[in-house]
Each structure stands twice: as structure tokens, then as C-alpha cells.
Amino acid sequence: YNLMNAENLGIVFGPTLMQPPEQNALTTLNDMRQ
């Protein structure tokens, strides 16, 4: 119904629930997969 599996929810909530302490855009981009 909502088209949201665990992987899609990980993409949505990953950067929201965990953020790098240095707030560096490059670090954030490199860590998105993890």
C-alpha cells in the first residue's frame, strides 16, 4: 500500500537518525550508503 520497504525507509531515515559530528558535506555523501 505504501511502497515503503526496509531499504527505502533506510534511505529516508538514515541521514535523519545519524549525522556525522563534523557536518561535512563530503563525509555525509560518502556515508549515505552505510
PDB file of all heavy atoms in Angstrom:
ATOM      1  N   TYR A   1       0.822  -1.209   0.000  1.00  0.00           N
ATOM      2  CA  TYR A   1       0.000   0.000   0.000  1.00  0.00           C
ATOM      3  C   TYR A   1       0.858   1.262   0.000  1.00  0.00           C
ATOM      4  O   TYR A   1       0.564   2.227  -0.705  1.00  0.00           O
ATOM      5  CB  TYR A   1      -0.927   0.033   1.225  1.00  0.00           C
ATOM      6  CG  TYR A   1      -1.858  -1.141   1.319  1.00  0.00           C
ATOM      7  CD1 TYR A   1      -1.612  -2.166   2.227  1.00  0.00           C
ATOM      8  CD2 TYR A   1      -2.980  -1.235   0.498  1.00  0.00           C
ATOM      9  CE1 TYR A   1      -2.462  -3.255   2.322  1.00  0.00           C
ATOM     10  CE2 TYR A   1      -3.827  -2.332   0.577  1.00  0.00           C
ATOM     11  CZ  TYR A   1      -3.572  -3.333   1.499  1.00  0.00           C
ATOM     12  OH  TYR A   1      -4.411  -4.406   1.584  1.00  0.00           O
ATOM     13  N   ASN A   2       1.928   1.259   0.797  1.00  0.00           N
ATOM     14  CA  ASN A   2       2.723   2.486   0.936  1.00  0.00           C
ATOM     15  C   ASN A   2       4.043   2.468   0.161  1.00  0.00           C
ATOM     16  O   ASN A   2       4.763   3.469   0.145  1.00  0.00           O
ATOM     17  CB  ASN A   2       3.014   2.768   2.410  1.00  0.00           C
ATOM     18  CG  ASN A   2       3.685   1.594   3.121  1.00  0.00           C
ATOM     19  OD1 ASN A   2       4.518   0.894   2.546  1.00  0.00           O
ATOM     20  ND2 ASN A   2       3.318   1.362   4.380  1.00  0.00           N
ATOM     21  N   LEU A   3       4.389   1.323  -0.452  1.00  0.00           N
ATOM     22  CA  LEU A   3       5.607   1.172  -1.266  1.00  0.00           C
ATOM     23  C   LEU A   3       6.885   1.428  -0.468  1.00  0.00           C
ATOM     24  O   LEU A   3       7.909   1.798  -1.027  1.00  0.00           O
ATOM     25  CB  LEU A   3       5.559   2.106  -2.481  1.00  0.00           C
ATOM     26  CG  LEU A   3       4.325   2.000  -3.386  1.00  0.00           C
ATOM     27  CD1 LEU A   3       4.411   2.983  -4.528  1.00  0.00           C
ATOM     28  CD2 LEU A   3       4.167   0.574  -3.902  1.00  0.00           C
ATOM     29  N   MET A   4       6.822   1.242   0.844  1.00  0.00           N
ATOM     30  CA  MET A   4       7.982   1.506   1.690  1.00  0.00           C
ATOM     31  C   MET A   4       8.484   0.206   2.309  1.00  0.00           C
ATOM     32  O   MET A   4       7.892  -0.328   3.244  1.00  0.00           O
ATOM     33  CB  MET A   4       7.630   2.509   2.797  1.00  0.00           C
ATOM     34  CG  MET A   4       7.229   3.889   2.278  1.00  0.00           C
ATOM     35  SD  MET A   4       8.507   4.669   1.257  1.00  0.00           S
ATOM     36  CE  MET A   4       9.719   5.049   2.509  1.00  0.00           C
ATOM     37  N   ASN A   5       9.588  -0.319   1.746  1.00  0.00           N
ATOM     38  CA  ASN A   5      10.242  -1.472   2.360  1.00  0.00           C
ATOM     39  C   ASN A   5      11.379  -0.982   3.254  1.00  0.00           C
ATOM     40  O   ASN A   5      11.611   0.225   3.378  1.00  0.00           O
ATOM     41  CB  ASN A   5      10.746  -2.449   1.295  1.00  0.00           C
ATOM     42  CG  ASN A   5      11.685  -1.777   0.303  1.00  0.00           C
ATOM     43  OD1 ASN A   5      12.324  -0.776   0.606  1.00  0.00           O
ATOM     44  ND2 ASN A   5      11.783  -2.338  -0.885  1.00  0.00           N
ATOM     45  N   ALA A   6      12.094  -1.902   3.876  1.00  0.00           N
ATOM     46  CA  ALA A   6      13.145  -1.513   4.820  1.00  0.00           C
ATOM     47  C   ALA A   6      14.248  -0.703   4.144  1.00  0.00           C
ATOM     48  O   ALA A   6      14.784   0.243   4.732  1.00  0.00           O
ATOM     49  CB  ALA A   6      13.733  -2.756   5.487  1.00  0.00           C
ATOM     50  N   GLU A   7      14.571  -1.054   2.903  1.00  0.00           N
ATOM     51  CA  GLU A   7      15.630  -0.321   2.204  1.00  0.00           C
ATOM     52  C   GLU A   7      15.210   1.110   1.918  1.00  0.00           C
ATOM     53  O   GLU A   7      15.987   2.054   2.119  1.00  0.00           O
ATOM     54  CB  GLU A   7      15.995  -1.036   0.899  1.00  0.00           C
ATOM     55  CG  GLU A   7      17.135  -0.366   0.149  1.00  0.00           C
ATOM     56  CD  GLU A   7      17.561  -1.131  -1.088  1.00  0.00           C
ATOM     57  OE1 GLU A   7      16.894  -2.139  -1.421  1.00  0.00           O
ATOM     58  OE2 GLU A   7      18.555  -0.730  -1.721  1.00  0.00           O
ATOM     59  N   ASN A   8      13.985   1.301   1.439  1.00  0.00           N
ATOM     60  CA  ASN A   8      13.501   2.652   1.157  1.00  0.00           C
ATOM     61  C   ASN A   8      13.428   3.501   2.421  1.00  0.00           C
ATOM     62  O   ASN A   8      13.766   4.689   2.419  1.00  0.00           O
ATOM     63  CB  ASN A   8      12.125   2.597   0.494  1.00  0.00           C
ATOM     64  CG  ASN A   8      12.182   2.045  -0.910  1.00  0.00           C
ATOM     65  OD1 ASN A   8      13.240   2.059  -1.551  1.00  0.00           O
ATOM     66  ND2 ASN A   8      11.074   1.531  -1.401  1.00  0.00           N
ATOM     67  N   LEU A   9      12.982   2.890   3.523  1.00  0.00           N
ATOM     68  CA  LEU A   9      12.918   3.615   4.790  1.00  0.00           C
ATOM     69  C   LEU A   9      14.315   3.955   5.291  1.00  0.00           C
ATOM     70  O   LEU A   9      14.522   5.001   5.915  1.00  0.00           O
ATOM     71  CB  LEU A   9      12.175   2.776   5.834  1.00  0.00           C
ATOM     72  CG  LEU A   9      10.669   2.631   5.601  1.00  0.00           C
ATOM     73  CD1 LEU A   9      10.080   1.588   6.543  1.00  0.00           C
ATOM     74  CD2 LEU A   9       9.958   3.977   5.803  1.00  0.00           C
ATOM     75  N   GLY A  10      15.288   3.074   5.000  1.00  0.00           N
ATOM     76  CA  GLY A  10      16.669   3.365   5.371  1.00  0.00           C
ATOM     77  C   GLY A  10      17.196   4.587   4.634  1.00  0.00           C
ATOM     78  O   GLY A  10      17.921   5.409   5.208  1.00  0.00           O
ATOM     79  N   ILE A  11      16.823   4.720   3.362  1.00  0.00           N
ATOM     80  CA  ILE A  11      17.236   5.880   2.572  1.00  0.00           C
ATOM     81  C   ILE A  11      16.636   7.157   3.152  1.00  0.00           C
ATOM     82  O   ILE A  11      17.296   8.201   3.239  1.00  0.00           O
ATOM     83  CB  ILE A  11      16.812   5.706   1.103  1.00  0.00           C
ATOM     84  CG1 ILE A  11      17.574   4.537   0.465  1.00  0.00           C
ATOM     85  CG2 ILE A  11      17.038   6.988   0.305  1.00  0.00           C
ATOM     86  CD1 ILE A  11      17.082   4.163  -0.927  1.00  0.00           C
ATOM     87  N   VAL A  12      15.364   7.083   3.581  1.00  0.00           N
ATOM     88  CA  VAL A  12      14.659   8.254   4.096  1.00  0.00           C
ATOM     89  C   VAL A  12      15.163   8.653   5.481  1.00  0.00           C
ATOM     90  O   VAL A  12      15.413   9.836   5.758  1.00  0.00           O
ATOM     91  CB  VAL A  12      13.137   7.988   4.150  1.00  0.00           C
ATOM     92  CG1 VAL A  12      12.415   9.134   4.849  1.00  0.00           C
ATOM     93  CG2 VAL A  12      12.585   7.788   2.739  1.00  0.00           C
ATOM     94  N   PHE A  13      15.319   7.672   6.369  1.00  0.00           N
ATOM     95  CA  PHE A  13      15.611   7.976   7.767  1.00  0.00           C
ATOM     96  C   PHE A  13      17.086   7.883   8.139  1.00  0.00           C
ATOM     97  O   PHE A  13      17.466   8.319   9.235  1.00  0.00           O
ATOM     98  CB  PHE A  13      14.803   7.053   8.691  1.00  0.00           C
ATOM     99  CG  PHE A  13      13.366   7.457   8.818  1.00  0.00           C
ATOM    100  CD1 PHE A  13      12.399   6.885   8.001  1.00  0.00           C
ATOM    101  CD2 PHE A  13      12.979   8.412   9.740  1.00  0.00           C
ATOM    102  CE1 PHE A  13      11.060   7.261   8.108  1.00  0.00           C
ATOM    103  CE2 PHE A  13      11.661   8.801   9.851  1.00  0.00           C
ATOM    104  CZ  PHE A  13      10.688   8.222   9.045  1.00  0.00           C
ATOM    105  N   GLY A  14      17.917   7.321   7.269  1.00  0.00           N
ATOM    106  CA  GLY A  14      19.340   7.219   7.591  1.00  0.00           C
ATOM    107  C   GLY A  14      19.979   8.555   7.936  1.00  0.00           C
ATOM    108  O   GLY A  14      20.517   8.736   9.037  1.00  0.00           O
ATOM    109  N   PRO A  15      19.913   9.555   7.031  1.00  0.00           N
ATOM    110  CA  PRO A  15      20.538  10.853   7.328  1.00  0.00           C
ATOM    111  C   PRO A  15      19.835  11.603   8.446  1.00  0.00           C
ATOM    112  O   PRO A  15      20.406  12.540   9.015  1.00  0.00           O
ATOM    113  CB  PRO A  15      20.395  11.607   5.992  1.00  0.00           C
ATOM    114  CG  PRO A  15      20.147  10.550   4.961  1.00  0.00           C
ATOM    115  CD  PRO A  15      19.378   9.481   5.665  1.00  0.00           C
ATOM    116  N   THR A  16      18.586  11.227   8.777  1.00  0.00           N
ATOM    117  CA  THR A  16      17.849  11.905   9.845  1.00  0.00           C
ATOM    118  C   THR A  16      18.246  11.395  11.218  1.00  0.00           C
ATOM    119  O   THR A  16      18.404  12.168  12.161  1.00  0.00           O
ATOM    120  CB  THR A  16      16.325  11.707   9.652  1.00  0.00           C
ATOM    121  OG1 THR A  16      15.944  12.229   8.381  1.00  0.00           O
ATOM    122  CG2 THR A  16      15.538  12.403  10.741  1.00  0.00           C
ATOM    123  N   LEU A  17      18.424  10.085  11.337  1.00  0.00           N
ATOM    124  CA  LEU A  17      18.713   9.476  12.633  1.00  0.00           C
ATOM    125  C   LEU A  17      20.191   9.500  12.990  1.00  0.00           C
ATOM    126  O   LEU A  17      20.548   9.396  14.157  1.00  0.00           O
ATOM    127  CB  LEU A  17      18.208   8.032  12.658  1.00  0.00           C
ATOM    128  CG  LEU A  17      16.694   7.855  12.545  1.00  0.00           C
ATOM    129  CD1 LEU A  17      16.331   6.381  12.414  1.00  0.00           C
ATOM    130  CD2 LEU A  17      15.988   8.466  13.755  1.00  0.00           C
ATOM    131  N   MET A  18      21.060   9.614  11.997  1.00  0.00           N
ATOM    132  CA  MET A  18      22.503   9.639  12.264  1.00  0.00           C
ATOM    133  C   MET A  18      23.186  10.653  11.367  1.00  0.00           C
ATOM    134  O   MET A  18      22.988  10.659  10.143  1.00  0.00           O
ATOM    135  CB  MET A  18      23.110   8.247  12.117  1.00  0.00           C
ATOM    136  CG  MET A  18      22.802   7.535  10.826  1.00  0.00           C
ATOM    137  SD  MET A  18      23.316   5.792  10.830  1.00  0.00           S
ATOM    138  CE  MET A  18      25.042   5.885  11.247  1.00  0.00           C
ATOM    139  N   GLN A  19      23.972  11.528  11.981  1.00  0.00           N
ATOM    140  CA  GLN A  19      24.666  12.594  11.266  1.00  0.00           C
ATOM    141  C   GLN A  19      26.114  12.637  11.720  1.00  0.00           C
ATOM    142  O   GLN A  19      26.394  12.472  12.907  1.00  0.00           O
ATOM    143  CB  GLN A  19      24.002  13.948  11.548  1.00  0.00           C
ATOM    144  CG  GLN A  19      22.522  14.006  11.206  1.00  0.00           C
ATOM    145  CD  GLN A  19      21.847  15.224  11.804  1.00  0.00           C
ATOM    146  OE1 GLN A  19      22.486  16.244  12.038  1.00  0.00           O
ATOM    147  NE2 GLN A  19      20.557  15.114  12.058  1.00  0.00           N
ATOM    148  N   PRO A  20      27.063  12.875  10.794  1.00  0.00           N
ATOM    149  CA  PRO A  20      28.475  12.931  11.176  1.00  0.00           C
ATOM    150  C   PRO A  20      28.740  14.127  12.082  1.00  0.00           C
ATOM    151  O   PRO A  20      28.160  15.201  11.888  1.00  0.00           O
ATOM    152  CB  PRO A  20      29.200  13.059   9.836  1.00  0.00           C
ATOM    153  CG  PRO A  20      28.185  13.631   8.899  1.00  0.00           C
ATOM    154  CD  PRO A  20      26.867  13.100   9.355  1.00  0.00           C
ATOM    155  N   PRO A  21      29.589  13.991  13.083  1.00  0.00           N
ATOM    156  CA  PRO A  21      29.838  15.090  14.021  1.00  0.00           C
ATOM    157  C   PRO A  21      30.447  16.317  13.376  1.00  0.00           C
ATOM    158  O   PRO A  21      30.225  17.439  13.839  1.00  0.00           O
ATOM    159  CB  PRO A  21      30.793  14.463  15.050  1.00  0.00           C
ATOM    160  CG  PRO A  21      31.369  13.264  14.378  1.00  0.00           C
ATOM    161  CD  PRO A  21      30.325  12.777  13.432  1.00  0.00           C
ATOM    162  N   GLU A  22      31.225  16.133  12.284  1.00  0.00           N
ATOM    163  CA  GLU A  22      31.886  17.286  11.676  1.00  0.00           C
ATOM    164  C   GLU A  22      31.003  18.041  10.686  1.00  0.00           C
ATOM    165  O   GLU A  22      31.374  19.083  10.185  1.00  0.00           O
ATOM    166  CB  GLU A  22      33.176  16.853  10.969  1.00  0.00           C
ATOM    167  CG  GLU A  22      32.962  15.876   9.811  1.00  0.00           C
ATOM    168  CD  GLU A  22      32.927  14.442  10.267  1.00  0.00           C
ATOM    169  OE1 GLU A  22      32.831  14.205  11.477  1.00  0.00           O
ATOM    170  OE2 GLU A  22      33.009  13.540   9.395  1.00  0.00           O
ATOM    171  N   GLN A  23      29.809  17.503  10.391  1.00  0.00           N
ATOM    172  CA  GLN A  23      28.865  18.171   9.483  1.00  0.00           C
ATOM    173  C   GLN A  23      29.523  18.563   8.161  1.00  0.00           C
ATOM    174  O   GLN A  23      29.344  19.668   7.653  1.00  0.00           O
ATOM    175  CB  GLN A  23      28.268  19.411  10.162  1.00  0.00           C
ATOM    176  CG  GLN A  23      27.464  19.118  11.409  1.00  0.00           C
ATOM    177  CD  GLN A  23      26.230  18.273  11.119  1.00  0.00           C
ATOM    178  OE1 GLN A  23      25.515  18.529  10.166  1.00  0.00           O
ATOM    179  NE2 GLN A  23      26.005  17.272  11.934  1.00  0.00           N
ATOM    180  N   ASN A  24      30.288  17.638   7.613  1.00  0.00           N
ATOM    181  CA  ASN A  24      30.960  17.867   6.342  1.00  0.00           C
ATOM    182  C   ASN A  24      30.142  17.249   5.216  1.00  0.00           C
ATOM    183  O   ASN A  24      29.759  16.076   5.293  1.00  0.00           O
ATOM    184  CB  ASN A  24      32.375  17.259   6.394  1.00  0.00           C
ATOM    185  CG  ASN A  24      33.153  17.489   5.118  1.00  0.00           C
ATOM    186  OD1 ASN A  24      32.915  16.824   4.120  1.00  0.00           O
ATOM    187  ND2 ASN A  24      34.077  18.433   5.168  1.00  0.00           N
ATOM    188  N   ALA A  25      29.859  18.029   4.174  1.00  0.00           N
ATOM    189  CA  ALA A  25      29.001  17.562   3.087  1.00  0.00           C
ATOM    190  C   ALA A  25      29.596  16.344   2.386  1.00  0.00           C
ATOM    191  O   ALA A  25      28.876  15.415   2.003  1.00  0.00           O
ATOM    192  CB  ALA A  25      28.773  18.688   2.082  1.00  0.00           C
ATOM    193  N   LEU A  26      30.915  16.336   2.214  1.00  0.00           N
ATOM    194  CA  LEU A  26      31.576  15.226   1.540  1.00  0.00           C
ATOM    195  C   LEU A  26      31.477  13.949   2.377  1.00  0.00           C
ATOM    196  O   LEU A  26      31.214  12.863   1.850  1.00  0.00           O
ATOM    197  CB  LEU A  26      33.036  15.576   1.262  1.00  0.00           C
ATOM    198  CG  LEU A  26      33.858  14.518   0.501  1.00  0.00           C
ATOM    199  CD1 LEU A  26      33.230  14.249  -0.867  1.00  0.00           C
ATOM    200  CD2 LEU A  26      35.306  14.970   0.347  1.00  0.00           C
ATOM    201  N   THR A  27      31.669  14.097   3.692  1.00  0.00           N
ATOM    202  CA  THR A  27      31.555  12.943   4.589  1.00  0.00           C
ATOM    203  C   THR A  27      30.148  12.374   4.554  1.00  0.00           C
ATOM    204  O   THR A  27      29.945  11.164   4.491  1.00  0.00           O
ATOM    205  CB  THR A  27      31.919  13.345   6.031  1.00  0.00           C
ATOM    206  OG1 THR A  27      33.256  13.850   6.052  1.00  0.00           O
ATOM    207  CG2 THR A  27      31.810  12.147   6.968  1.00  0.00           C
ATOM    208  N   THR A  28      29.165  13.267   4.605  1.00  0.00           N
ATOM    209  CA  THR A  28      27.767  12.837   4.566  1.00  0.00           C
ATOM    210  C   THR A  28      27.465  12.081   3.281  1.00  0.00           C
ATOM    211  O   THR A  28      26.801  11.038   3.295  1.00  0.00           O
ATOM    212  CB  THR A  28      26.828  14.054   4.678  1.00  0.00           C
ATOM    213  OG1 THR A  28      27.117  14.757   5.896  1.00  0.00           O
ATOM    214  CG2 THR A  28      25.374  13.618   4.687  1.00  0.00           C
ATOM    215  N   LEU A  29      27.965  12.591   2.163  1.00  0.00           N
ATOM    216  CA  LEU A  29      27.738  11.944   0.876  1.00  0.00           C
ATOM    217  C   LEU A  29      28.390  10.572   0.823  1.00  0.00           C
ATOM    218  O   LEU A  29      27.786   9.598   0.349  1.00  0.00           O
ATOM    219  CB  LEU A  29      28.286  12.839  -0.249  1.00  0.00           C
ATOM    220  CG  LEU A  29      28.050  12.356  -1.691  1.00  0.00           C
ATOM    221  CD1 LEU A  29      26.559  12.307  -1.984  1.00  0.00           C
ATOM    222  CD2 LEU A  29      28.757  13.275  -2.679  1.00  0.00           C
ATOM    223  N   ASN A  30      29.610  10.466   1.340  1.00  0.00           N
ATOM    224  CA  ASN A  30      30.324   9.195   1.317  1.00  0.00           C
ATOM    225  C   ASN A  30      29.691   8.150   2.238  1.00  0.00           C
ATOM    226  O   ASN A  30      29.807   6.949   1.984  1.00  0.00           O
ATOM    227  CB  ASN A  30      31.783   9.408   1.727  1.00  0.00           C
ATOM    228  CG  ASN A  30      32.578  10.176   0.689  1.00  0.00           C
ATOM    229  OD1 ASN A  30      32.232  10.177  -0.488  1.00  0.00           O
ATOM    230  ND2 ASN A  30      33.633  10.835   1.117  1.00  0.00           N
ATOM    231  N   ASP A  31      29.032   8.624   3.307  1.00  0.00           N
ATOM    232  CA  ASP A  31      28.472   7.712   4.304  1.00  0.00           C
ATOM    233  C   ASP A  31      27.009   7.359   4.063  1.00  0.00           C
ATOM    234  O   ASP A  31      26.425   6.597   4.845  1.00  0.00           O
ATOM    235  CB  ASP A  31      28.604   8.321   5.709  1.00  0.00           C
ATOM    236  CG  ASP A  31      30.049   8.406   6.177  1.00  0.00           C
ATOM    237  OD1 ASP A  31      30.916   7.792   5.524  1.00  0.00           O
ATOM    238  OD2 ASP A  31      30.300   9.081   7.194  1.00  0.00           O
ATOM    239  N   MET A  32      26.404   7.896   3.012  1.00  0.00           N
ATOM    240  CA  MET A  32      24.973   7.695   2.799  1.00  0.00           C
ATOM    241  C   MET A  32      24.606   6.216   2.669  1.00  0.00           C
ATOM    242  O   MET A  32      23.582   5.766   3.184  1.00  0.00           O
ATOM    243  CB  MET A  32      24.503   8.468   1.560  1.00  0.00           C
ATOM    244  CG  MET A  32      24.369   9.963   1.769  1.00  0.00           C
ATOM    245  SD  MET A  32      23.713  10.823   0.326  1.00  0.00           S
ATOM    246  CE  MET A  32      22.069  10.134   0.239  1.00  0.00           C
ATOM    247  N   ARG A  33      25.449   5.457   1.992  1.00  0.00           N
ATOM    248  CA  ARG A  33      25.166   4.029   1.808  1.00  0.00           C
ATOM    249  C   ARG A  33      25.161   3.311   3.152  1.00  0.00           C
ATOM    250  O   ARG A  33      24.297   2.463   3.422  1.00  0.00           O
ATOM    251  CB  ARG A  33      26.203   3.399   0.872  1.00  0.00           C
ATOM    252  CG  ARG A  33      25.953   1.917   0.600  1.00  0.00           C
ATOM    253  CD  ARG A  33      26.950   1.367  -0.413  1.00  0.00           C
ATOM    254  NE  ARG A  33      26.734  -0.059  -0.629  1.00  0.00           N
ATOM    255  CZ  ARG A  33      27.220  -1.019   0.151  1.00  0.00           C
ATOM    256  NH1 ARG A  33      27.959  -0.691   1.209  1.00  0.00           N
ATOM    257  NH2 ARG A  33      26.974  -2.288  -0.114  1.00  0.00           N
ATOM    258  N   GLN A  34      26.146   3.636   4.011  1.00  0.00           N
ATOM    259  CA  GLN A  34      26.219   2.991   5.325  1.00  0.00           C
ATOM    260  C   GLN A  34      25.074   3.444   6.237  1.00  0.00           C
ATOM    261  O   GLN A  34      24.533   2.650   7.005  1.00  0.00           O
ATOM    262  CB  GLN A  34      27.565   3.298   5.991  1.00  0.00           C
ATOM    263  CG  GLN A  34      28.740   2.529   5.430  1.00  0.00           C
ATOM    264  CD  GLN A  34      29.200   3.044   4.074  1.00  0.00           C
ATOM    265  OE1 GLN A  34      29.165   4.245   3.831  1.00  0.00           O
ATOM    266  NE2 GLN A  34      29.619   2.142   3.188  1.00  0.00           N
TER     267      GLN A  34
END
